[in-house]
C-alpha atoms as a PDB file:
ATOM      1  CA  MET A   1      -2.259  -9.978  -8.312  1.00  0.00           C
ATOM      2  CA  LEU A   2      -1.593  -6.293  -7.710  1.00  0.00           C
ATOM      3  CA  ILE A   3      -0.394  -5.404  -4.206  1.00  0.00           C
ATOM      4  CA  ARG A   4      -0.850  -1.713  -3.473  1.00  0.00           C
ATOM      5  CA  SER A   5      -0.196  -1.547   0.279  1.00  0.00           C
ATOM      6  CA  GLY A   6       0.668  -3.715   3.228  1.00  0.00           C
ATOM      7  CA  GLU A   7       1.142  -3.893   6.948  1.00  0.00           C
ATOM      8  CA  ILE A   8       4.694  -4.299   8.212  1.00  0.00           C
ATOM      9  CA  ILE A   9       4.637  -6.979  10.907  1.00  0.00           C
ATOM     10  CA  ASP A  10       8.356  -7.711  11.337  1.00  0.00           C
ATOM     11  CA  GLY A  11      11.216  -5.337  10.571  1.00  0.00           C
ATOM     12  CA  ARG A  12       9.353  -2.102  11.312  1.00  0.00           C
ATOM     13  CA  GLU A  13      12.540  -0.227  12.191  1.00  0.00           C
ATOM     14  CA  LEU A  14      14.208  -1.223   8.917  1.00  0.00           C
ATOM     15  CA  ALA A  15      11.072  -0.201   7.003  1.00  0.00           C
ATOM     16  CA  ARG A  16      10.990   3.114   8.904  1.00  0.00           C
ATOM     17  CA  GLU A  17      14.676   3.729   8.115  1.00  0.00           C
ATOM     18  CA  ARG A  18      14.063   3.079   4.407  1.00  0.00           C
ATOM     19  CA  ARG A  19      11.031   5.356   4.331  1.00  0.00           C
ATOM     20  CA  LEU A  20      12.851   8.153   6.173  1.00  0.00           C
ATOM     21  CA  ARG A  21      15.555   8.170   3.462  1.00  0.00           C
ATOM     22  CA  LYS A  22      12.936   9.659   1.139  1.00  0.00           C
ATOM     23  CA  ARG A  23      12.047  12.455   3.572  1.00  0.00           C
ATOM     24  CA  PRO A  24      13.982  15.666   4.235  1.00  0.00           C
ATOM     25  CA  PRO A  25      17.044  15.261   6.486  1.00  0.00           C
ATOM     26  CA  GLY A  26      16.230  15.732  10.151  1.00  0.00           C
ATOM     27  CA  THR A  27      12.643  14.453   9.856  1.00  0.00           C
ATOM     28  CA  ASP A  28      11.454  13.228  13.240  1.00  0.00           C
ATOM     29  CA  PRO A  29      11.001   9.413  12.982  1.00  0.00           C
ATOM     30  CA  ALA A  30       8.029   9.681  15.368  1.00  0.00           C
ATOM     31  CA  THR A  31       6.066  11.438  12.604  1.00  0.00           C
ATOM     32  CA  LEU A  32       6.054   8.218  10.550  1.00  0.00           C
ATOM     33  CA  LEU A  33       3.368   6.030  12.115  1.00  0.00           C
ATOM     34  CA  ASP A  34       3.479   2.222  11.857  1.00  0.00           C
ATOM     35  CA  ARG A  35       0.209   2.228   9.893  1.00  0.00           C
ATOM     36  CA  ASP A  36       1.800   4.510   7.265  1.00  0.00           C
ATOM     37  CA  LEU A  37       4.989   2.503   6.666  1.00  0.00           C
ATOM     38  CA  ALA A  38       3.608   0.632   3.634  1.00  0.00           C
ATOM     39  CA  ARG A  39       0.429   2.598   2.956  1.00  0.00           C
ATOM     40  CA  GLY A  40       0.212   3.003  -0.807  1.00  0.00           C
ATOM     41  CA  PRO A  41       2.331   1.522  -3.612  1.00  0.00           C
ATOM     42  CA  GLY A  42       5.290   3.920  -3.406  1.00  0.00           C
ATOM     43  CA  ASN A  43       5.509   3.642   0.366  1.00  0.00           C
ATOM     44  CA  LEU A  44       5.203  -0.148   0.198  1.00  0.00           C
ATOM     45  CA  ALA A  45       8.089  -0.362  -2.273  1.00  0.00           C
ATOM     46  CA  ALA A  46      10.262   1.985  -0.217  1.00  0.00           C
ATOM     47  CA  ALA A  47       9.538   0.133   3.046  1.00  0.00           C
ATOM     48  CA  LEU A  48      10.433  -3.211   1.456  1.00  0.00           C
ATOM     49  CA  GLY A  49      13.552  -1.826  -0.233  1.00  0.00           C
ATOM     50  CA  ILE A  50      12.140  -2.460  -3.713  1.00  0.00           C
ATOM     51  CA  THR A  51      13.644  -0.248  -6.408  1.00  0.00           C
ATOM     52  CA  ARG A  52      12.752   0.059 -10.076  1.00  0.00           C
ATOM     53  CA  PRO A  53      16.287  -0.467 -11.454  1.00  0.00           C
ATOM     54  CA  GLN A  54      16.892  -3.589  -9.382  1.00  0.00           C
ATOM     55  CA  HIS A  55      13.442  -5.191  -9.131  1.00  0.00           C
ATOM     56  CA  ASP A  56      11.251  -3.958 -12.013  1.00  0.00           C
ATOM     57  CA  GLY A  57       9.370  -6.843 -13.617  1.00  0.00           C
ATOM     58  CA  LEU A  58      10.156  -9.390 -10.893  1.00  0.00           C
ATOM     59  CA  ASP A  59       7.440 -11.486  -9.238  1.00  0.00           C
ATOM     60  CA  LEU A  60       6.940 -10.321  -5.641  1.00  0.00           C
ATOM     61  CA  LEU A  61       5.911 -13.853  -4.673  1.00  0.00           C
ATOM     62  CA  ALA A  62       9.107 -15.524  -5.983  1.00  0.00           C
ATOM     63  CA  ALA A  63      12.854 -15.276  -5.254  1.00  0.00           C
ATOM     64  CA  PRO A  64      14.612 -13.016  -4.409  1.00  0.00           C
ATOM     65  CA  PHE A  65      11.618 -11.905  -2.337  1.00  0.00           C
ATOM     66  CA  ILE A  66      10.242 -13.662   0.719  1.00  0.00           C
ATOM     67  CA  VAL A  67       6.620 -12.756   1.380  1.00  0.00           C
ATOM     68  CA  GLU A  68       4.823 -14.626   4.120  1.00  0.00           C
ATOM     69  CA  THR A  69       1.135 -14.510   4.809  1.00  0.00           C
ATOM     70  CA  ARG A  70      -0.659 -15.186   8.015  1.00  0.00           C
ATOM     71  CA  HIS A  71      -3.179 -17.931   7.443  1.00  0.00           C
ATOM     72  CA  ARG A  72      -6.246 -16.292   8.868  1.00  0.00           C
ATOM     73  CA  VAL A  73      -9.388 -15.332   7.093  1.00  0.00           C
ATOM     74  CA  PRO A  74     -10.324 -11.657   7.487  1.00  0.00           C
ATOM     75  CA  ALA A  75     -13.654 -10.975   9.166  1.00  0.00           C
ATOM     76  CA  ALA A  76     -14.755  -8.780   6.251  1.00  0.00           C
ATOM     77  CA  ILE A  77     -13.399  -7.699   2.890  1.00  0.00           C
ATOM     78  CA  ALA A  78     -14.681  -4.363   1.639  1.00  0.00           C
ATOM     79  CA  SER A  79     -14.780  -3.063  -1.918  1.00  0.00           C
ATOM     80  CA  GLY A  80     -15.231   0.290  -3.561  1.00  0.00           C
ATOM     81  CA  PRO A  81     -14.086   2.494  -6.419  1.00  0.00           C
ATOM     82  CA  ARG A  82     -10.397   2.639  -7.255  1.00  0.00           C
ATOM     83  CA  VAL A  83      -8.255   5.533  -6.058  1.00  0.00           C
ATOM     84  CA  GLY A  84      -6.834   7.914  -8.640  1.00  0.00           C
ATOM     85  CA  VAL A  85      -8.916   6.655 -11.563  1.00  0.00           C
ATOM     86  CA  ALA A  86     -10.960   9.263 -13.426  1.00  0.00           C
ATOM     87  CA  GLY A  87     -14.195   8.861 -15.321  1.00  0.00           C
ATOM     88  CA  ILE A  88     -16.660   6.018 -15.012  1.00  0.00           C
ATOM     89  CA  ALA A  89     -13.899   3.492 -14.188  1.00  0.00           C
ATOM     90  CA  GLY A  90     -13.239   5.403 -10.945  1.00  0.00           C
ATOM     91  CA  GLY A  91     -16.874   5.363  -9.905  1.00  0.00           C
ATOM     92  CA  PRO A  92     -19.232   3.020  -8.082  1.00  0.00           C
ATOM     93  CA  GLN A  93     -19.945   1.004 -11.251  1.00  0.00           C
ATOM     94  CA  PHE A  94     -16.448  -0.493 -10.936  1.00  0.00           C
ATOM     95  CA  PRO A  95     -15.818  -1.434  -7.268  1.00  0.00           C
ATOM     96  CA  TRP A  96     -12.422  -2.959  -8.091  1.00  0.00           C
ATOM     97  CA  ARG A  97     -10.591  -1.776  -4.984  1.00  0.00           C
ATOM     98  CA  PHE A  98     -10.529  -4.370  -2.214  1.00  0.00           C
ATOM     99  CA  TRP A  99      -9.262  -4.135   1.352  1.00  0.00           C
ATOM    100  CA  ILE A 100      -9.580  -5.794   4.729  1.00  0.00           C
ATOM    101  CA  GLN A 101     -12.315  -3.974   6.619  1.00  0.00           C
ATOM    102  CA  GLY A 102     -10.867  -2.000   9.538  1.00  0.00           C
ATOM    103  CA  ASN A 103      -7.202  -2.403   8.563  1.00  0.00           C
ATOM    104  CA  LYS A 104      -5.437   0.856   9.413  1.00  0.00           C
ATOM    105  CA  SER A 105      -2.724   0.360   6.761  1.00  0.00           C
ATOM    106  CA  VAL A 106      -5.183   0.866   3.904  1.00  0.00           C
ATOM    107  CA  SER A 107      -4.864   4.199   2.112  1.00  0.00           C
ATOM    108  CA  ALA A 108      -7.743   6.573   2.637  1.00  0.00           C
ATOM    109  CA  PHE A 109     -10.043   6.869  -0.375  1.00  0.00           C
ATOM    110  CA  LYS A 110      -9.856  10.131  -2.313  1.00  0.00           C
ATOM    111  CA  PRO A 111     -12.054  10.303  -5.402  1.00  0.00           C
ATOM    112  CA  GLU A 112     -10.341  11.359  -8.602  1.00  0.00           C
ATOM    113  CA  ARG A 113     -11.499  14.510 -10.262  1.00  0.00           C
ATOM    114  CA  ASN A 114     -14.239  13.779 -12.826  1.00  0.00           C
ATOM    115  CA  ALA A 115     -14.938  10.319 -11.338  1.00  0.00           C
ATOM    116  CA  ALA A 116     -18.581   9.254 -11.177  1.00  0.00           C
ATOM    117  CA  ARG A 117     -20.147   9.624  -7.731  1.00  0.00           C
ATOM    118  CA  ALA A 118     -22.315   7.123  -5.909  1.00  0.00           C
END
């Protein structure tokens, strides 16, 4: 399983603090919206305090991590081309990007240069 973004439910202030460490000093915390705390793989890692030297290669669903899921079935799961993938693999022939329809924490789609168009 590849987790590329998430929605911070508990610990938003800690996630915001971690994310703000990567921004220029004096950045207004109000500019970092809740929906953007873990939007995208780098932001997700920063919000959760995951670092390459300490956590690279570890299973996110095993110790030392604690990941809890809410046991509810989403109303709709959408799919489309992957973000940042060029050529045919980034086009409509390969709808390998999945997300919960309407979730505001999902990164906006930006087609890669030279990706096939629908």
